[in-house]
Amino acid sequence: MRLTDWGETLVLSQLPEITNHCTCTITDDDGNESDSPECYGWCWDDALAMFAENTAKLREISRWWQIDGLPLWNRKVGGTIVVEDVNDLIAGITVNGDWRLRYSVTDTHLWCYLSHHDASGSFTAYPYLRDDAPND
């Protein structure tokens, strides 16, 4: 699937991905876990570390972020979130439940394609410039 972000064509399958639903272990009949010979989705710690590294410069701009067009089951929503760390950013741009996020990072914003059981679609998240941020 090809999508456009501010005039740039993005190929969804080539973008980095993070998901909270990854299976990298298997459980035997006794309930013991071991490493799976195949891993479906990046394991959480590795994917979160890569997402943190990829978004580090944007997170340095401001702790205030604007979200535009986050897809929910019945509408797209937006608003302002406070980002103290990468976990706050993830919480602000995803939903409660299983989700998969593909993303592209620019100097000014984070373009995302979120898929979850109720909806899927693209949206933008960007840090406020210091002068535009709400008062603390």
Protein backbone atom coordinates (compact mmCIF):
# COMPACT_ATOMS: atom_id res chain seq x y z
CA MET A 1 0.00 0.00 0.00
CA ARG A 2 1.32 3.43 -0.94
CA LEU A 3 0.37 6.44 1.14
CA THR A 4 1.34 10.08 1.01
CA ASP A 5 2.74 12.17 3.85
CA TRP A 6 3.05 15.87 2.99
CA GLY A 7 3.85 15.10 -0.64
CA GLU A 8 6.18 12.17 0.05
CA THR A 9 5.07 8.71 -1.09
CA LEU A 10 5.47 6.07 1.63
CA VAL A 11 5.32 2.31 1.09
CA LEU A 12 3.63 0.97 4.19
CA SER A 13 5.36 -2.42 4.16
CA GLN A 14 8.78 -0.71 4.17
CA LEU A 15 8.16 1.42 7.27
CA PRO A 16 9.37 0.52 10.77
CA GLU A 17 6.75 -1.25 12.87
CA ILE A 18 5.94 -1.58 16.53
CA THR A 19 3.16 -3.76 17.91
CA ASN A 20 2.04 -4.64 21.40
CA HIS A 21 1.02 -8.08 20.15
CA CYS A 22 4.13 -10.06 19.45
CA THR A 23 4.72 -13.75 19.89
CA CYS A 24 8.34 -14.68 20.40
CA THR A 25 7.84 -17.51 22.86
CA ILE A 26 5.95 -20.77 22.85
CA THR A 27 4.31 -22.51 25.78
CA ASP A 28 4.44 -26.28 26.17
CA ASP A 29 1.67 -28.45 27.65
CA ASP A 30 3.05 -27.90 31.16
CA GLY A 31 2.91 -24.11 30.81
CA ASN A 32 6.68 -23.63 30.42
CA GLU A 33 7.75 -20.90 28.01
CA SER A 34 10.70 -21.13 25.63
CA ASP A 35 11.95 -19.16 22.65
CA SER A 36 9.90 -19.68 19.55
CA PRO A 37 11.65 -20.84 16.36
CA GLU A 38 9.68 -18.06 14.62
CA CYS A 39 8.88 -14.63 15.97
CA TYR A 40 5.70 -12.93 14.77
CA GLY A 41 6.22 -9.22 15.28
CA TRP A 42 9.15 -7.56 16.93
CA CYS A 43 9.52 -8.44 20.58
CA TRP A 44 8.36 -5.52 22.68
CA ASP A 45 11.66 -4.45 24.26
CA ASP A 46 13.50 -4.43 20.91
CA ALA A 47 10.70 -2.62 19.09
CA LEU A 48 10.31 -0.03 21.87
CA ALA A 49 14.07 0.63 21.91
CA MET A 50 14.06 1.14 18.14
CA PHE A 51 11.00 3.44 18.34
CA ALA A 52 12.66 5.41 21.17
CA GLU A 53 15.83 5.84 19.12
CA ASN A 54 13.92 6.83 15.99
CA THR A 55 11.81 9.46 17.81
CA ALA A 56 14.49 10.80 20.18
CA LYS A 57 15.16 14.05 18.29
CA LEU A 58 11.46 14.83 18.00
CA ARG A 59 10.93 14.16 21.71
CA GLU A 60 13.72 16.66 22.50
CA ILE A 61 11.80 19.49 20.78
CA SER A 62 8.96 19.63 23.31
CA ARG A 63 7.10 17.54 25.82
CA TRP A 64 3.82 18.87 24.38
CA TRP A 65 2.57 17.01 21.31
CA GLN A 66 -0.37 17.53 18.97
CA ILE A 67 -2.13 14.45 17.62
CA ASP A 68 -4.22 14.88 14.45
CA GLY A 69 -6.54 12.17 13.11
CA LEU A 70 -5.98 9.16 15.42
CA PRO A 71 -8.37 6.48 14.05
CA LEU A 72 -10.95 5.13 16.49
CA TRP A 73 -13.91 2.89 15.74
CA ASN A 74 -16.36 5.69 14.98
CA ARG A 75 -14.24 8.73 14.16
CA LYS A 76 -10.79 10.24 13.98
CA VAL A 77 -9.71 12.24 17.04
CA GLY A 78 -7.00 14.70 17.92
CA GLY A 79 -5.67 16.56 20.89
CA THR A 80 -2.65 17.44 22.96
CA ILE A 81 -0.60 14.98 25.00
CA VAL A 82 2.30 15.45 27.39
CA VAL A 83 5.31 13.26 26.57
CA GLU A 84 7.82 12.75 29.37
CA ASP A 85 9.28 9.58 27.84
CA VAL A 86 8.76 7.15 24.99
CA ASN A 87 6.09 5.25 26.93
CA ASP A 88 3.97 8.41 27.14
CA LEU A 89 4.28 8.87 23.39
CA ILE A 90 3.21 5.27 22.72
CA ALA A 91 0.25 5.63 25.10
CA GLY A 92 -0.83 8.85 23.41
CA ILE A 93 -0.76 7.52 19.85
CA THR A 94 -2.23 4.03 20.32
CA VAL A 95 -5.36 2.46 21.82
CA ASN A 96 -6.20 0.09 24.65
CA GLY A 97 -6.10 -3.36 23.08
CA ASP A 98 -3.95 -5.03 20.44
CA TRP A 99 -2.49 -2.68 17.86
CA ARG A 100 0.15 -2.41 15.15
CA LEU A 101 1.81 0.89 14.29
CA ARG A 102 3.91 1.64 11.22
CA TYR A 103 5.60 5.02 11.24
CA SER A 104 7.86 7.49 9.49
CA VAL A 105 9.88 10.13 11.33
CA THR A 106 10.75 13.51 9.83
CA ASP A 107 12.45 16.56 11.35
CA THR A 108 9.06 18.02 12.27
CA HIS A 109 6.58 15.21 12.83
CA LEU A 110 5.79 11.55 13.22
CA TRP A 111 3.55 10.09 10.51
CA CYS A 112 1.74 6.94 11.64
CA TYR A 113 -0.49 4.20 10.30
CA LEU A 114 -2.31 2.52 13.18
CA SER A 115 -4.20 -0.76 12.86
CA HIS A 116 -6.35 -2.20 15.63
CA HIS A 117 -9.49 -4.33 15.91
CA ASP A 118 -11.87 -1.38 15.49
CA ALA A 119 -10.19 0.71 12.81
CA SER A 120 -7.08 1.55 10.86
CA GLY A 121 -5.76 4.68 9.27
CA SER A 122 -3.06 7.29 9.14
CA PHE A 123 -2.51 10.23 11.44
CA THR A 124 0.17 12.74 12.38
CA ALA A 125 1.79 13.48 15.72
CA TYR A 126 4.12 16.40 16.16
CA PRO A 127 5.80 18.22 19.02
CA TYR A 128 4.85 21.82 19.54
CA LEU A 129 7.60 24.30 18.84
CA ARG A 130 8.68 25.78 22.16
CA ASP A 131 6.90 29.11 21.55
CA ASP A 132 3.63 27.40 20.62
CA ALA A 133 3.45 24.92 23.52
CA PRO A 134 0.67 25.29 26.08
CA ASN A 135 1.68 26.73 29.45
CA ASP A 136 2.88 24.18 31.99
